[in-house]
């Protein structure tokens, strides 16, 4: 699943291609919004909030979430699409560019005035103007017995971290993913270090946690992550820890048995 830095960069590309220009065509391929025509409406901005994207135009805000497979592409007007046309769920055009959302996990149109209320459940955005370390710490520590991995992953506590970040942050602080929050001596330092990492990765072509970008696309995430030098433990199960040589382990954690998340850790470096 894309992490907060990927969504932030996507919002910037959409903003650069759409903001300040009137739409010449809109095609929202979701039954509930299929008849909505935004032609002639000027796009004010595109922003991210955690892992959520918003394209604000006139009185509405187009809210999308990439989920696992989604992606937004911005093409020069008339450019050839790099994804199959049948996977396009949103098409927005102006005189210069065409923005296409493929395989989006969520598409909805909100009244601009209702956007804040609809997203009020989100914690402070790690990459947003509303960031508050104190508020993030308050939310994370509200359930002291919860595993630190799940607490940092929960978008209601702080918005932007996904599996990749949380696994790597736990390694960097020597924390087993299952360690309860109450046993983490300085959770504020853990969170703030993670925020610095995601902020630095915003401007990188390839995400990295080790300062190396050798490996697969996006910092080595995905099937080739174990061959990348950009990760300490994420997707490196059965491979030696880069720090001590112990075999990296893989497990699962989740509050809901149907939505458990993969964890990766070094049994020697993390306790």
C-alpha atoms as a PDB file:
ATOM      1  CA  UNK A   1       0.000   0.000   0.000  1.00  0.00           C
ATOM      2  CA  UNK A   2       1.366   3.485  -0.829  1.00  0.00           C
ATOM      3  CA  UNK A   3       2.729   5.374   2.162  1.00  0.00           C
ATOM      4  CA  UNK A   4       2.172   9.008   3.061  1.00  0.00           C
ATOM      5  CA  UNK A   5       5.208  10.257   1.135  1.00  0.00           C
ATOM      6  CA  UNK A   6       3.954   8.637  -2.097  1.00  0.00           C
ATOM      7  CA  UNK A   7       0.553  10.268  -1.648  1.00  0.00           C
ATOM      8  CA  UNK A   8       2.184  13.646  -0.886  1.00  0.00           C
ATOM      9  CA  UNK A   9       4.185  13.487  -4.136  1.00  0.00           C
ATOM     10  CA  UNK A  10       1.070  12.437  -6.041  1.00  0.00           C
ATOM     11  CA  UNK A  11      -0.799  15.468  -4.699  1.00  0.00           C
ATOM     12  CA  UNK A  12       2.046  17.734  -5.799  1.00  0.00           C
ATOM     13  CA  UNK A  13       1.970  16.318  -9.348  1.00  0.00           C
ATOM     14  CA  UNK A  14      -1.805  16.741  -9.515  1.00  0.00           C
ATOM     15  CA  UNK A  15      -1.529  20.292  -8.190  1.00  0.00           C
ATOM     16  CA  UNK A  16       1.125  21.200 -10.746  1.00  0.00           C
ATOM     17  CA  UNK A  17      -0.970  19.809 -13.598  1.00  0.00           C
ATOM     18  CA  UNK A  18      -4.433  20.993 -12.565  1.00  0.00           C
ATOM     19  CA  UNK A  19      -4.378  23.934 -10.143  1.00  0.00           C
ATOM     20  CA  UNK A  20      -5.389  27.321 -11.474  1.00  0.00           C
ATOM     21  CA  UNK A  21      -6.833  25.882 -14.689  1.00  0.00           C
ATOM     22  CA  UNK A  22     -10.438  25.333 -15.732  1.00  0.00           C
ATOM     23  CA  UNK A  23     -11.453  21.766 -16.430  1.00  0.00           C
ATOM     24  CA  UNK A  24     -12.485  21.034 -20.004  1.00  0.00           C
ATOM     25  CA  UNK A  25     -13.699  17.530 -19.191  1.00  0.00           C
ATOM     26  CA  UNK A  26     -14.468  15.427 -16.129  1.00  0.00           C
ATOM     27  CA  UNK A  27     -15.348  11.745 -16.163  1.00  0.00           C
ATOM     28  CA  UNK A  28     -15.929  10.106 -12.782  1.00  0.00           C
ATOM     29  CA  UNK A  29     -16.524   6.429 -13.454  1.00  0.00           C
ATOM     30  CA  UNK A  30     -18.356   5.635 -10.242  1.00  0.00           C
ATOM     31  CA  UNK A  31     -22.143   5.134 -10.474  1.00  0.00           C
ATOM     32  CA  UNK A  32     -22.981   7.585  -7.701  1.00  0.00           C
ATOM     33  CA  UNK A  33     -21.033  10.403  -9.360  1.00  0.00           C
ATOM     34  CA  UNK A  34     -21.197   9.415 -13.036  1.00  0.00           C
ATOM     35  CA  UNK A  35     -23.478  12.327 -14.000  1.00  0.00           C
ATOM     36  CA  UNK A  36     -21.393  15.002 -12.274  1.00  0.00           C
ATOM     37  CA  UNK A  37     -19.876  17.379 -14.840  1.00  0.00           C
ATOM     38  CA  UNK A  38     -17.123  19.707 -13.623  1.00  0.00           C
ATOM     39  CA  UNK A  39     -16.384  21.183 -17.043  1.00  0.00           C
ATOM     40  CA  UNK A  40     -15.676  24.905 -16.730  1.00  0.00           C
ATOM     41  CA  UNK A  41     -14.846  24.682 -13.022  1.00  0.00           C
ATOM     42  CA  UNK A  42     -11.367  25.835 -11.988  1.00  0.00           C
ATOM     43  CA  UNK A  43      -9.285  23.515  -9.812  1.00  0.00           C
ATOM     44  CA  UNK A  44      -8.067  25.432  -6.776  1.00  0.00           C
ATOM     45  CA  UNK A  45      -5.597  22.902  -5.418  1.00  0.00           C
ATOM     46  CA  UNK A  46      -4.701  19.259  -4.883  1.00  0.00           C
ATOM     47  CA  UNK A  47      -3.551  18.256  -1.416  1.00  0.00           C
ATOM     48  CA  UNK A  48      -2.843  15.163   0.653  1.00  0.00           C
ATOM     49  CA  UNK A  49      -3.947  14.365   4.185  1.00  0.00           C
ATOM     50  CA  UNK A  50      -2.127  11.284   5.377  1.00  0.00           C
ATOM     51  CA  UNK A  51      -2.882   8.691   2.709  1.00  0.00           C
ATOM     52  CA  UNK A  52      -5.904  10.580   1.342  1.00  0.00           C
ATOM     53  CA  UNK A  53      -5.980  12.818  -1.741  1.00  0.00           C
ATOM     54  CA  UNK A  54      -8.253  15.806  -2.333  1.00  0.00           C
ATOM     55  CA  UNK A  55      -8.728  17.770  -5.546  1.00  0.00           C
ATOM     56  CA  UNK A  56     -10.637  20.932  -4.677  1.00  0.00           C
ATOM     57  CA  UNK A  57     -12.617  22.533  -7.480  1.00  0.00           C
ATOM     58  CA  UNK A  58     -15.390  25.069  -6.979  1.00  0.00           C
ATOM     59  CA  UNK A  59     -17.786  23.886  -4.287  1.00  0.00           C
ATOM     60  CA  UNK A  60     -16.649  20.267  -4.305  1.00  0.00           C
ATOM     61  CA  UNK A  61     -13.683  18.210  -3.176  1.00  0.00           C
ATOM     62  CA  UNK A  62     -12.866  15.015  -5.070  1.00  0.00           C
ATOM     63  CA  UNK A  63     -11.625  12.579  -2.414  1.00  0.00           C
ATOM     64  CA  UNK A  64      -9.643   9.525  -3.513  1.00  0.00           C
ATOM     65  CA  UNK A  65      -7.585   6.852  -1.788  1.00  0.00           C
ATOM     66  CA  UNK A  66      -5.058   4.690  -3.603  1.00  0.00           C
ATOM     67  CA  UNK A  67      -5.506   1.630  -1.346  1.00  0.00           C
ATOM     68  CA  UNK A  68      -3.270  -1.201  -2.625  1.00  0.00           C
ATOM     69  CA  UNK A  69      -3.258  -0.772  -6.411  1.00  0.00           C
ATOM     70  CA  UNK A  70      -4.315   2.785  -7.131  1.00  0.00           C
ATOM     71  CA  UNK A  71      -2.239   5.416  -8.904  1.00  0.00           C
ATOM     72  CA  UNK A  72      -2.720   8.859 -10.431  1.00  0.00           C
ATOM     73  CA  UNK A  73      -0.941   9.746 -13.676  1.00  0.00           C
ATOM     74  CA  UNK A  74      -0.641  13.223 -15.173  1.00  0.00           C
ATOM     75  CA  UNK A  75      -0.085  13.330 -18.937  1.00  0.00           C
ATOM     76  CA  UNK A  76       0.366  16.109 -21.461  1.00  0.00           C
ATOM     77  CA  UNK A  77      -2.979  16.636 -23.162  1.00  0.00           C
ATOM     78  CA  UNK A  78      -3.418  13.812 -25.660  1.00  0.00           C
ATOM     79  CA  UNK A  79      -0.603  11.724 -24.129  1.00  0.00           C
ATOM     80  CA  UNK A  80      -0.789   7.945 -24.270  1.00  0.00           C
ATOM     81  CA  UNK A  81      -1.970   6.268 -21.061  1.00  0.00           C
ATOM     82  CA  UNK A  82       0.434   3.868 -19.375  1.00  0.00           C
ATOM     83  CA  UNK A  83      -2.344   1.820 -17.746  1.00  0.00           C
ATOM     84  CA  UNK A  84      -5.307  -0.030 -19.328  1.00  0.00           C
ATOM     85  CA  UNK A  85      -8.246   2.270 -20.039  1.00  0.00           C
ATOM     86  CA  UNK A  86     -10.710  -0.054 -18.312  1.00  0.00           C
ATOM     87  CA  UNK A  87      -8.930   0.547 -14.977  1.00  0.00           C
ATOM     88  CA  UNK A  88      -9.431   4.329 -15.132  1.00  0.00           C
ATOM     89  CA  UNK A  89     -11.908   5.524 -12.502  1.00  0.00           C
ATOM     90  CA  UNK A  90     -11.438   9.294 -12.835  1.00  0.00           C
ATOM     91  CA  UNK A  91     -10.390  11.439 -15.799  1.00  0.00           C
ATOM     92  CA  UNK A  92      -9.863  15.184 -15.425  1.00  0.00           C
ATOM     93  CA  UNK A  93      -8.727  17.335 -18.346  1.00  0.00           C
ATOM     94  CA  UNK A  94      -7.757  20.931 -18.934  1.00  0.00           C
ATOM     95  CA  UNK A  95      -6.239  22.621 -21.967  1.00  0.00           C
ATOM     96  CA  UNK A  96      -2.738  21.388 -21.102  1.00  0.00           C
ATOM     97  CA  UNK A  97      -2.946  18.213 -19.049  1.00  0.00           C
ATOM     98  CA  UNK A  98      -4.942  15.087 -18.398  1.00  0.00           C
ATOM     99  CA  UNK A  99      -5.023  13.533 -14.916  1.00  0.00           C
ATOM    100  CA  UNK A 100      -6.164   9.910 -14.755  1.00  0.00           C
ATOM    101  CA  UNK A 101      -6.792   7.914 -11.583  1.00  0.00           C
ATOM    102  CA  UNK A 102      -6.335   4.185 -12.193  1.00  0.00           C
ATOM    103  CA  UNK A 103      -7.568   1.365  -9.913  1.00  0.00           C
ATOM    104  CA  UNK A 104      -8.423   3.818  -7.149  1.00  0.00           C
ATOM    105  CA  UNK A 105      -9.602   2.140  -3.964  1.00  0.00           C
ATOM    106  CA  UNK A 106     -11.975   4.967  -3.041  1.00  0.00           C
ATOM    107  CA  UNK A 107     -13.651   7.724  -5.060  1.00  0.00           C
ATOM    108  CA  UNK A 108     -16.173  10.138  -3.583  1.00  0.00           C
ATOM    109  CA  UNK A 109     -17.240  13.722  -4.083  1.00  0.00           C
ATOM    110  CA  UNK A 110     -17.640  15.866  -0.973  1.00  0.00           C
ATOM    111  CA  UNK A 111     -18.990  19.344  -0.439  1.00  0.00           C
ATOM    112  CA  UNK A 112     -15.960  21.503   0.279  1.00  0.00           C
ATOM    113  CA  UNK A 113     -17.510  22.720   3.528  1.00  0.00           C
ATOM    114  CA  UNK A 114     -18.001  19.108   4.682  1.00  0.00           C
ATOM    115  CA  UNK A 115     -14.448  17.917   3.987  1.00  0.00           C
ATOM    116  CA  UNK A 116     -13.079  18.624   7.472  1.00  0.00           C
ATOM    117  CA  UNK A 117     -15.976  16.879   9.174  1.00  0.00           C
ATOM    118  CA  UNK A 118     -15.623  13.836   6.903  1.00  0.00           C
ATOM    119  CA  UNK A 119     -11.927  13.480   7.762  1.00  0.00           C
ATOM    120  CA  UNK A 120     -12.128  14.492  11.421  1.00  0.00           C
ATOM    121  CA  UNK A 121     -11.276  10.913  12.453  1.00  0.00           C
ATOM    122  CA  UNK A 122      -7.728  11.236  11.082  1.00  0.00           C
ATOM    123  CA  UNK A 123      -4.874  11.930  13.467  1.00  0.00           C
ATOM    124  CA  UNK A 124      -2.395  14.750  12.814  1.00  0.00           C
ATOM    125  CA  UNK A 125      -0.851  14.560   9.349  1.00  0.00           C
ATOM    126  CA  UNK A 126       2.864  13.740   9.471  1.00  0.00           C
ATOM    127  CA  UNK A 127       3.409  15.852   6.332  1.00  0.00           C
ATOM    128  CA  UNK A 128       0.704  18.457   6.849  1.00  0.00           C
ATOM    129  CA  UNK A 129       0.329  21.889   8.405  1.00  0.00           C
ATOM    130  CA  UNK A 130      -1.737  20.402  11.243  1.00  0.00           C
ATOM    131  CA  UNK A 131       1.147  18.256  12.524  1.00  0.00           C
ATOM    132  CA  UNK A 132       1.317  18.167  16.323  1.00  0.00           C
ATOM    133  CA  UNK A 133       3.735  15.837  18.073  1.00  0.00           C
ATOM    134  CA  UNK A 134       1.967  16.370  21.390  1.00  0.00           C
ATOM    135  CA  UNK A 135      -1.390  15.346  19.906  1.00  0.00           C
ATOM    136  CA  UNK A 136       0.126  12.311  18.201  1.00  0.00           C
ATOM    137  CA  UNK A 137       1.737  11.186  21.471  1.00  0.00           C
ATOM    138  CA  UNK A 138      -1.538  11.710  23.325  1.00  0.00           C
ATOM    139  CA  UNK A 139      -3.412   9.492  20.863  1.00  0.00           C
ATOM    140  CA  UNK A 140      -0.767   6.768  20.671  1.00  0.00           C
ATOM    141  CA  UNK A 141      -0.452   6.497  24.462  1.00  0.00           C
ATOM    142  CA  UNK A 142      -4.212   6.491  25.050  1.00  0.00           C
ATOM    143  CA  UNK A 143      -4.094   2.678  24.756  1.00  0.00           C
ATOM    144  CA  UNK A 144      -0.894   1.786  26.634  1.00  0.00           C
ATOM    145  CA  UNK A 145      -1.244  -1.990  26.233  1.00  0.00           C
ATOM    146  CA  UNK A 146      -1.526  -1.853  22.455  1.00  0.00           C
ATOM    147  CA  UNK A 147       1.470  -3.138  20.414  1.00  0.00           C
ATOM    148  CA  UNK A 148       3.596  -0.208  19.284  1.00  0.00           C
ATOM    149  CA  UNK A 149       3.427  -1.420  15.660  1.00  0.00           C
ATOM    150  CA  UNK A 150      -0.373  -1.149  15.610  1.00  0.00           C
ATOM    151  CA  UNK A 151      -0.423   2.165  17.462  1.00  0.00           C
ATOM    152  CA  UNK A 152       1.931   3.807  14.949  1.00  0.00           C
ATOM    153  CA  UNK A 153       0.076   2.272  12.021  1.00  0.00           C
ATOM    154  CA  UNK A 154      -3.343   3.512  13.142  1.00  0.00           C
ATOM    155  CA  UNK A 155      -4.337   6.505  11.004  1.00  0.00           C
ATOM    156  CA  UNK A 156      -6.568   7.713  13.838  1.00  0.00           C
ATOM    157  CA  UNK A 157      -3.421   8.323  15.891  1.00  0.00           C
ATOM    158  CA  UNK A 158      -1.214   9.874  13.221  1.00  0.00           C
ATOM    159  CA  UNK A 159      -1.750   9.931   9.489  1.00  0.00           C
ATOM    160  CA  UNK A 160       0.800   8.784   6.924  1.00  0.00           C
ATOM    161  CA  UNK A 161       2.715   5.734   8.164  1.00  0.00           C
ATOM    162  CA  UNK A 162       2.117   2.323   6.561  1.00  0.00           C
ATOM    163  CA  UNK A 163       3.685  -1.124   6.978  1.00  0.00           C
ATOM    164  CA  UNK A 164       6.996  -0.174   5.438  1.00  0.00           C
ATOM    165  CA  UNK A 165       7.589   2.812   7.709  1.00  0.00           C
ATOM    166  CA  UNK A 166       6.386   1.220  10.914  1.00  0.00           C
ATOM    167  CA  UNK A 167       8.508  -1.920  10.459  1.00  0.00           C
ATOM    168  CA  UNK A 168      11.606   0.151   9.719  1.00  0.00           C
ATOM    169  CA  UNK A 169      10.974   2.583  12.591  1.00  0.00           C
ATOM    170  CA  UNK A 170      10.626  -0.296  15.048  1.00  0.00           C
ATOM    171  CA  UNK A 171      13.956  -1.699  13.876  1.00  0.00           C
ATOM    172  CA  UNK A 172      15.749   1.640  14.139  1.00  0.00           C
ATOM    173  CA  UNK A 173      14.604   1.948  17.766  1.00  0.00           C
ATOM    174  CA  UNK A 174      15.251  -1.693  18.689  1.00  0.00           C
ATOM    175  CA  UNK A 175      11.563  -2.345  19.354  1.00  0.00           C
ATOM    176  CA  UNK A 176       9.773  -5.616  18.775  1.00  0.00           C
ATOM    177  CA  UNK A 177       6.594  -4.797  16.821  1.00  0.00           C
ATOM    178  CA  UNK A 178       4.583  -6.497  19.575  1.00  0.00           C
ATOM    179  CA  UNK A 179       6.061  -4.458  22.438  1.00  0.00           C
ATOM    180  CA  UNK A 180       3.291  -2.568  24.302  1.00  0.00           C
ATOM    181  CA  UNK A 181       3.327   1.200  23.977  1.00  0.00           C
ATOM    182  CA  UNK A 182       3.659   1.566  27.755  1.00  0.00           C
ATOM    183  CA  UNK A 183       7.056  -0.164  27.581  1.00  0.00           C
ATOM    184  CA  UNK A 184       8.479   2.300  25.041  1.00  0.00           C
ATOM    185  CA  UNK A 185      10.565   4.767  27.027  1.00  0.00           C
ATOM    186  CA  UNK A 186      10.255   7.790  24.706  1.00  0.00           C
ATOM    187  CA  UNK A 187       7.456   7.325  22.199  1.00  0.00           C
ATOM    188  CA  UNK A 188       7.698  10.986  21.225  1.00  0.00           C
ATOM    189  CA  UNK A 189      11.262  10.474  19.999  1.00  0.00           C
ATOM    190  CA  UNK A 190      10.164   7.387  18.037  1.00  0.00           C
ATOM    191  CA  UNK A 191       7.379   9.306  16.327  1.00  0.00           C
ATOM    192  CA  UNK A 192       9.498  12.361  15.574  1.00  0.00           C
ATOM    193  CA  UNK A 193      12.293  10.273  14.056  1.00  0.00           C
ATOM    194  CA  UNK A 194       9.736   8.600  11.834  1.00  0.00           C
ATOM    195  CA  UNK A 195       8.408  12.000  10.781  1.00  0.00           C
ATOM    196  CA  UNK A 196      11.913  13.122   9.824  1.00  0.00           C
ATOM    197  CA  UNK A 197      12.318   9.977   7.707  1.00  0.00           C
ATOM    198  CA  UNK A 198       9.051  10.420   5.833  1.00  0.00           C
ATOM    199  CA  UNK A 199       9.796  14.122   5.298  1.00  0.00           C
ATOM    200  CA  UNK A 200      13.204  13.349   3.780  1.00  0.00           C
ATOM    201  CA  UNK A 201      11.751  10.624   1.563  1.00  0.00           C
ATOM    202  CA  UNK A 202       9.197  13.063   0.132  1.00  0.00           C
ATOM    203  CA  UNK A 203      11.903  14.591  -2.037  1.00  0.00           C
ATOM    204  CA  UNK A 204      13.612  11.333  -3.043  1.00  0.00           C
ATOM    205  CA  UNK A 205      12.968   9.395  -6.216  1.00  0.00           C
ATOM    206  CA  UNK A 206      13.516   6.163  -4.262  1.00  0.00           C
ATOM    207  CA  UNK A 207      12.456   5.724  -0.653  1.00  0.00           C
ATOM    208  CA  UNK A 208      15.227   4.654   1.709  1.00  0.00           C
ATOM    209  CA  UNK A 209      15.707   3.975   5.412  1.00  0.00           C
ATOM    210  CA  UNK A 210      19.426   3.140   5.271  1.00  0.00           C
ATOM    211  CA  UNK A 211      20.601   6.125   3.146  1.00  0.00           C
ATOM    212  CA  UNK A 212      21.146   3.733   0.238  1.00  0.00           C
ATOM    213  CA  UNK A 213      18.831   3.635  -2.775  1.00  0.00           C
ATOM    214  CA  UNK A 214      20.219   0.564  -4.537  1.00  0.00           C
ATOM    215  CA  UNK A 215      17.472  -1.939  -5.253  1.00  0.00           C
ATOM    216  CA  UNK A 216      13.971  -2.078  -6.646  1.00  0.00           C
ATOM    217  CA  UNK A 217      11.715   0.832  -7.607  1.00  0.00           C
ATOM    218  CA  UNK A 218      10.394   3.009  -4.794  1.00  0.00           C
ATOM    219  CA  UNK A 219      13.264   2.128  -2.490  1.00  0.00           C
ATOM    220  CA  UNK A 220      12.977  -1.609  -2.994  1.00  0.00           C
ATOM    221  CA  UNK A 221       9.415  -2.226  -1.803  1.00  0.00           C
ATOM    222  CA  UNK A 222       7.645  -5.262  -3.172  1.00  0.00           C
ATOM    223  CA  UNK A 223       8.936  -8.656  -4.292  1.00  0.00           C
ATOM    224  CA  UNK A 224      12.512  -7.441  -4.712  1.00  0.00           C
ATOM    225  CA  UNK A 225      12.729  -5.639  -1.375  1.00  0.00           C
ATOM    226  CA  UNK A 226      15.019  -8.313   0.102  1.00  0.00           C
ATOM    227  CA  UNK A 227      17.599  -7.516  -2.592  1.00  0.00           C
ATOM    228  CA  UNK A 228      17.449  -3.784  -1.918  1.00  0.00           C
ATOM    229  CA  UNK A 229      19.840  -1.984   0.427  1.00  0.00           C
ATOM    230  CA  UNK A 230      17.160   0.604   1.225  1.00  0.00           C
ATOM    231  CA  UNK A 231      15.542  -1.462   4.029  1.00  0.00           C
ATOM    232  CA  UNK A 232      16.724  -2.910   7.307  1.00  0.00           C
ATOM    233  CA  UNK A 233      13.989  -5.503   7.815  1.00  0.00           C
ATOM    234  CA  UNK A 234      10.905  -4.766   5.707  1.00  0.00           C
ATOM    235  CA  UNK A 235      10.177  -7.724   3.355  1.00  0.00           C
ATOM    236  CA  UNK A 236      13.580  -9.223   4.246  1.00  0.00           C
ATOM    237  CA  UNK A 237      12.352 -12.284   6.137  1.00  0.00           C
ATOM    238  CA  UNK A 238      14.729 -15.286   5.927  1.00  0.00           C
ATOM    239  CA  UNK A 239      17.584 -12.930   5.039  1.00  0.00           C
ATOM    240  CA  UNK A 240      20.387 -11.907   7.424  1.00  0.00           C
ATOM    241  CA  UNK A 241      19.998  -8.727   9.462  1.00  0.00           C
ATOM    242  CA  UNK A 242      22.223  -6.035   7.975  1.00  0.00           C
ATOM    243  CA  UNK A 243      23.425  -5.079  11.447  1.00  0.00           C
ATOM    244  CA  UNK A 244      24.093  -8.397  13.204  1.00  0.00           C
ATOM    245  CA  UNK A 245      23.529 -11.222  10.688  1.00  0.00           C
ATOM    246  CA  UNK A 246      20.631 -12.858  12.558  1.00  0.00           C
ATOM    247  CA  UNK A 247      17.857 -14.136  10.299  1.00  0.00           C
ATOM    248  CA  UNK A 248      15.024 -11.612   9.938  1.00  0.00           C
ATOM    249  CA  UNK A 249      11.644 -12.982  11.033  1.00  0.00           C
ATOM    250  CA  UNK A 250       8.145 -12.381   9.706  1.00  0.00           C
ATOM    251  CA  UNK A 251       4.818 -12.395  11.547  1.00  0.00           C
ATOM    252  CA  UNK A 252       1.411 -10.754  11.702  1.00  0.00           C
ATOM    253  CA  UNK A 253      -0.319  -8.332  14.032  1.00  0.00           C
ATOM    254  CA  UNK A 254      -3.820  -6.906  13.970  1.00  0.00           C
ATOM    255  CA  UNK A 255      -6.740  -5.829  16.126  1.00  0.00           C
ATOM    256  CA  UNK A 256      -9.077  -7.471  13.606  1.00  0.00           C
ATOM    257  CA  UNK A 257      -8.382 -11.123  12.634  1.00  0.00           C
ATOM    258  CA  UNK A 258      -9.466 -10.278   9.085  1.00  0.00           C
ATOM    259  CA  UNK A 259      -7.064  -7.341   8.743  1.00  0.00           C
ATOM    260  CA  UNK A 260      -3.742  -8.491  10.090  1.00  0.00           C
ATOM    261  CA  UNK A 261      -0.576  -6.755   8.905  1.00  0.00           C
ATOM    262  CA  UNK A 262       2.854  -8.193   8.129  1.00  0.00           C
ATOM    263  CA  UNK A 263       5.623  -7.505  10.613  1.00  0.00           C
ATOM    264  CA  UNK A 264       9.375  -7.995  10.116  1.00  0.00           C
ATOM    265  CA  UNK A 265      12.008  -7.905  12.844  1.00  0.00           C
ATOM    266  CA  UNK A 266      15.452  -9.025  13.912  1.00  0.00           C
ATOM    267  CA  UNK A 267      15.246 -11.216  17.051  1.00  0.00           C
ATOM    268  CA  UNK A 268      18.683  -9.985  18.200  1.00  0.00           C
ATOM    269  CA  UNK A 269      18.420  -6.253  17.497  1.00  0.00           C
ATOM    270  CA  UNK A 270      14.811  -5.817  18.597  1.00  0.00           C
ATOM    271  CA  UNK A 271      13.473  -6.709  22.018  1.00  0.00           C
END
